[in-house]
Amino acid sequence: MALVKKGSRIINVDGTAYRWRLRGRPTYDQGLVRSPLTYVVEHADTPGTTLVITTNQPHPSNWFGTRGSPILPAQVADSIRTAITDGWMPANPGSPFHLDQSVGFVSSH
């Protein structure tokens, strides 16, 4: 399934263009700071397998005002490189590839 273009950003990593997007509103568990922030990445030109990245920080729009750091393009690029090393093939069709970087996430409620 292709990533919605509205609200997504383009990032070039090692000469390849990717599109990434952070969900604007938190899920219920993210809003309660029970689960960490996630965002998705796909190949910009040939969308295939979507990369789902789970971070170790809360969603910035959580309902308790728990502060989290913004997701920076450098973090997205590092995550893309890690996923490719771990076997993500962005141009090939298939089920979403999950990259769990949630070590250190602490639920505050």
C-alpha atoms as a PDB file:
ATOM      1  CA  MET A   1       0.000   0.000   0.000  1.00  0.00           C
ATOM      2  CA  ALA A   2       1.431   3.370  -1.014  1.00  0.00           C
ATOM      3  CA  LEU A   3       2.098   6.090   1.498  1.00  0.00           C
ATOM      4  CA  VAL A   4      -0.209   9.108   1.400  1.00  0.00           C
ATOM      5  CA  LYS A   5       1.655  11.976  -0.255  1.00  0.00           C
ATOM      6  CA  LYS A   6      -0.063  14.706   1.742  1.00  0.00           C
ATOM      7  CA  GLY A   7       2.060  15.484   4.769  1.00  0.00           C
ATOM      8  CA  SER A   8       4.972  13.337   3.654  1.00  0.00           C
ATOM      9  CA  ARG A   9       8.527  14.493   3.086  1.00  0.00           C
ATOM     10  CA  ILE A  10      11.176  13.481   0.584  1.00  0.00           C
ATOM     11  CA  ILE A  11      14.618  12.496   1.800  1.00  0.00           C
ATOM     12  CA  ASN A  12      17.606  11.405  -0.276  1.00  0.00           C
ATOM     13  CA  VAL A  13      19.740   8.696   1.287  1.00  0.00           C
ATOM     14  CA  ASP A  14      22.863   7.558  -0.530  1.00  0.00           C
ATOM     15  CA  GLY A  15      21.478   8.762  -3.875  1.00  0.00           C
ATOM     16  CA  THR A  16      18.013   7.200  -3.518  1.00  0.00           C
ATOM     17  CA  ALA A  17      14.840   9.191  -2.875  1.00  0.00           C
ATOM     18  CA  TYR A  18      12.468   8.049  -0.140  1.00  0.00           C
ATOM     19  CA  ARG A  19       9.201   9.456   1.165  1.00  0.00           C
ATOM     20  CA  TRP A  20       8.556   9.458   4.911  1.00  0.00           C
ATOM     21  CA  ARG A  21       5.606  10.462   7.037  1.00  0.00           C
ATOM     22  CA  LEU A  22       4.789  10.836  10.686  1.00  0.00           C
ATOM     23  CA  ARG A  23       1.176  10.338  11.723  1.00  0.00           C
ATOM     24  CA  GLY A  24      -0.244  13.736  12.714  1.00  0.00           C
ATOM     25  CA  ARG A  25      -2.561  12.514  15.445  1.00  0.00           C
ATOM     26  CA  PRO A  26      -1.451   9.878  17.908  1.00  0.00           C
ATOM     27  CA  THR A  27      -3.099   6.497  18.171  1.00  0.00           C
ATOM     28  CA  TYR A  28      -4.981   5.897  21.421  1.00  0.00           C
ATOM     29  CA  ASP A  29      -2.004   4.189  23.092  1.00  0.00           C
ATOM     30  CA  GLN A  30       0.397   6.839  21.777  1.00  0.00           C
ATOM     31  CA  GLY A  31      -1.899   9.548  23.138  1.00  0.00           C
ATOM     32  CA  LEU A  32      -1.743   7.900  26.564  1.00  0.00           C
ATOM     33  CA  VAL A  33       2.062   7.494  26.230  1.00  0.00           C
ATOM     34  CA  ARG A  34       1.674   3.715  26.483  1.00  0.00           C
ATOM     35  CA  SER A  35       3.360   3.069  23.144  1.00  0.00           C
ATOM     36  CA  PRO A  36       6.117   4.950  21.324  1.00  0.00           C
ATOM     37  CA  LEU A  37       6.036   7.115  18.228  1.00  0.00           C
ATOM     38  CA  THR A  38       6.134   5.356  14.854  1.00  0.00           C
ATOM     39  CA  TYR A  39       6.641   6.656  11.340  1.00  0.00           C
ATOM     40  CA  VAL A  40       6.762   5.097   7.893  1.00  0.00           C
ATOM     41  CA  VAL A  41       9.124   5.255   4.919  1.00  0.00           C
ATOM     42  CA  GLU A  42       8.823   4.054   1.331  1.00  0.00           C
ATOM     43  CA  HIS A  43      10.813   4.291  -1.891  1.00  0.00           C
ATOM     44  CA  ALA A  44       9.727   7.547  -3.581  1.00  0.00           C
ATOM     45  CA  ASP A  45       9.847   6.339  -7.188  1.00  0.00           C
ATOM     46  CA  THR A  46       8.914   2.660  -6.893  1.00  0.00           C
ATOM     47  CA  PRO A  47       6.845   2.122  -3.744  1.00  0.00           C
ATOM     48  CA  GLY A  48       7.111  -1.476  -2.663  1.00  0.00           C
ATOM     49  CA  THR A  49       7.565  -2.664   0.897  1.00  0.00           C
ATOM     50  CA  THR A  50       6.814  -0.010   3.495  1.00  0.00           C
ATOM     51  CA  LEU A  51       9.254   0.472   6.363  1.00  0.00           C
ATOM     52  CA  VAL A  52       7.609   0.993   9.770  1.00  0.00           C
ATOM     53  CA  ILE A  53       9.988   2.490  12.333  1.00  0.00           C
ATOM     54  CA  THR A  54       9.167   2.380  16.041  1.00  0.00           C
ATOM     55  CA  THR A  55      11.127   4.992  17.983  1.00  0.00           C
ATOM     56  CA  ASN A  56      11.968   5.215  21.685  1.00  0.00           C
ATOM     57  CA  GLN A  57      10.115   8.479  22.315  1.00  0.00           C
ATOM     58  CA  PRO A  58       6.520   9.582  22.835  1.00  0.00           C
ATOM     59  CA  HIS A  59       4.324  11.034  20.091  1.00  0.00           C
ATOM     60  CA  PRO A  60       4.694  14.840  20.208  1.00  0.00           C
ATOM     61  CA  SER A  61       0.904  15.292  20.287  1.00  0.00           C
ATOM     62  CA  ASN A  62       0.279  12.987  23.247  1.00  0.00           C
ATOM     63  CA  TRP A  63      -2.477  13.986  25.656  1.00  0.00           C
ATOM     64  CA  PHE A  64      -0.289  14.357  28.752  1.00  0.00           C
ATOM     65  CA  GLY A  65       2.202  16.856  27.375  1.00  0.00           C
ATOM     66  CA  THR A  66       5.079  14.422  27.780  1.00  0.00           C
ATOM     67  CA  ARG A  67       7.921  15.912  25.797  1.00  0.00           C
ATOM     68  CA  GLY A  68       9.616  14.038  23.022  1.00  0.00           C
ATOM     69  CA  SER A  69      12.272  15.069  20.556  1.00  0.00           C
ATOM     70  CA  PRO A  70      11.321  15.842  16.965  1.00  0.00           C
ATOM     71  CA  ILE A  71      12.197  13.284  14.318  1.00  0.00           C
ATOM     72  CA  LEU A  72      15.082  14.762  12.353  1.00  0.00           C
ATOM     73  CA  PRO A  73      16.020  13.891   8.775  1.00  0.00           C
ATOM     74  CA  ALA A  74      19.376  12.541   9.999  1.00  0.00           C
ATOM     75  CA  GLN A  75      17.502  10.036  12.205  1.00  0.00           C
ATOM     76  CA  VAL A  76      15.316   8.996   9.283  1.00  0.00           C
ATOM     77  CA  ALA A  77      18.387   8.495   7.081  1.00  0.00           C
ATOM     78  CA  ASP A  78      20.124   6.417   9.772  1.00  0.00           C
ATOM     79  CA  SER A  79      17.008   4.280  10.209  1.00  0.00           C
ATOM     80  CA  ILE A  80      16.762   3.712   6.455  1.00  0.00           C
ATOM     81  CA  ARG A  81      20.397   2.608   6.301  1.00  0.00           C
ATOM     82  CA  THR A  82      19.877   0.266   9.275  1.00  0.00           C
ATOM     83  CA  ALA A  83      16.756  -1.254   7.714  1.00  0.00           C
ATOM     84  CA  ILE A  84      18.529  -1.855   4.395  1.00  0.00           C
ATOM     85  CA  THR A  85      21.383  -3.537   6.265  1.00  0.00           C
ATOM     86  CA  ASP A  86      18.784  -5.671   8.091  1.00  0.00           C
ATOM     87  CA  GLY A  87      17.215  -6.794   4.797  1.00  0.00           C
ATOM     88  CA  TRP A  88      14.586  -4.218   3.849  1.00  0.00           C
ATOM     89  CA  MET A  89      14.142  -4.110   0.066  1.00  0.00           C
ATOM     90  CA  PRO A  90      12.140  -0.912  -0.533  1.00  0.00           C
ATOM     91  CA  ALA A  91      11.368  -1.415  -4.232  1.00  0.00           C
ATOM     92  CA  ASN A  92      10.123  -4.998  -3.853  1.00  0.00           C
ATOM     93  CA  PRO A  93       6.460  -5.657  -2.999  1.00  0.00           C
ATOM     94  CA  GLY A  94       5.680  -7.366   0.260  1.00  0.00           C
ATOM     95  CA  SER A  95       4.511  -7.022   3.832  1.00  0.00           C
ATOM     96  CA  PRO A  96       5.662  -4.022   5.856  1.00  0.00           C
ATOM     97  CA  PHE A  97       9.181  -4.266   7.241  1.00  0.00           C
ATOM     98  CA  HIS A  98       9.352  -3.368  10.946  1.00  0.00           C
ATOM     99  CA  LEU A  99      12.393  -1.708  12.472  1.00  0.00           C
ATOM    100  CA  ASP A 100      12.103  -1.609  16.258  1.00  0.00           C
ATOM    101  CA  GLN A 101      14.208   1.124  17.838  1.00  0.00           C
ATOM    102  CA  SER A 102      12.097   1.385  20.983  1.00  0.00           C
ATOM    103  CA  VAL A 103      14.772   0.290  23.452  1.00  0.00           C
ATOM    104  CA  GLY A 104      14.677   2.792  26.281  1.00  0.00           C
ATOM    105  CA  PHE A 105      11.043   3.874  25.823  1.00  0.00           C
ATOM    106  CA  VAL A 106       9.393   4.395  29.187  1.00  0.00           C
ATOM    107  CA  SER A 107       5.621   4.557  29.428  1.00  0.00           C
ATOM    108  CA  SER A 108       4.823   7.427  31.719  1.00  0.00           C
ATOM    109  CA  HIS A 109       1.236   6.424  32.465  1.00  0.00           C
END
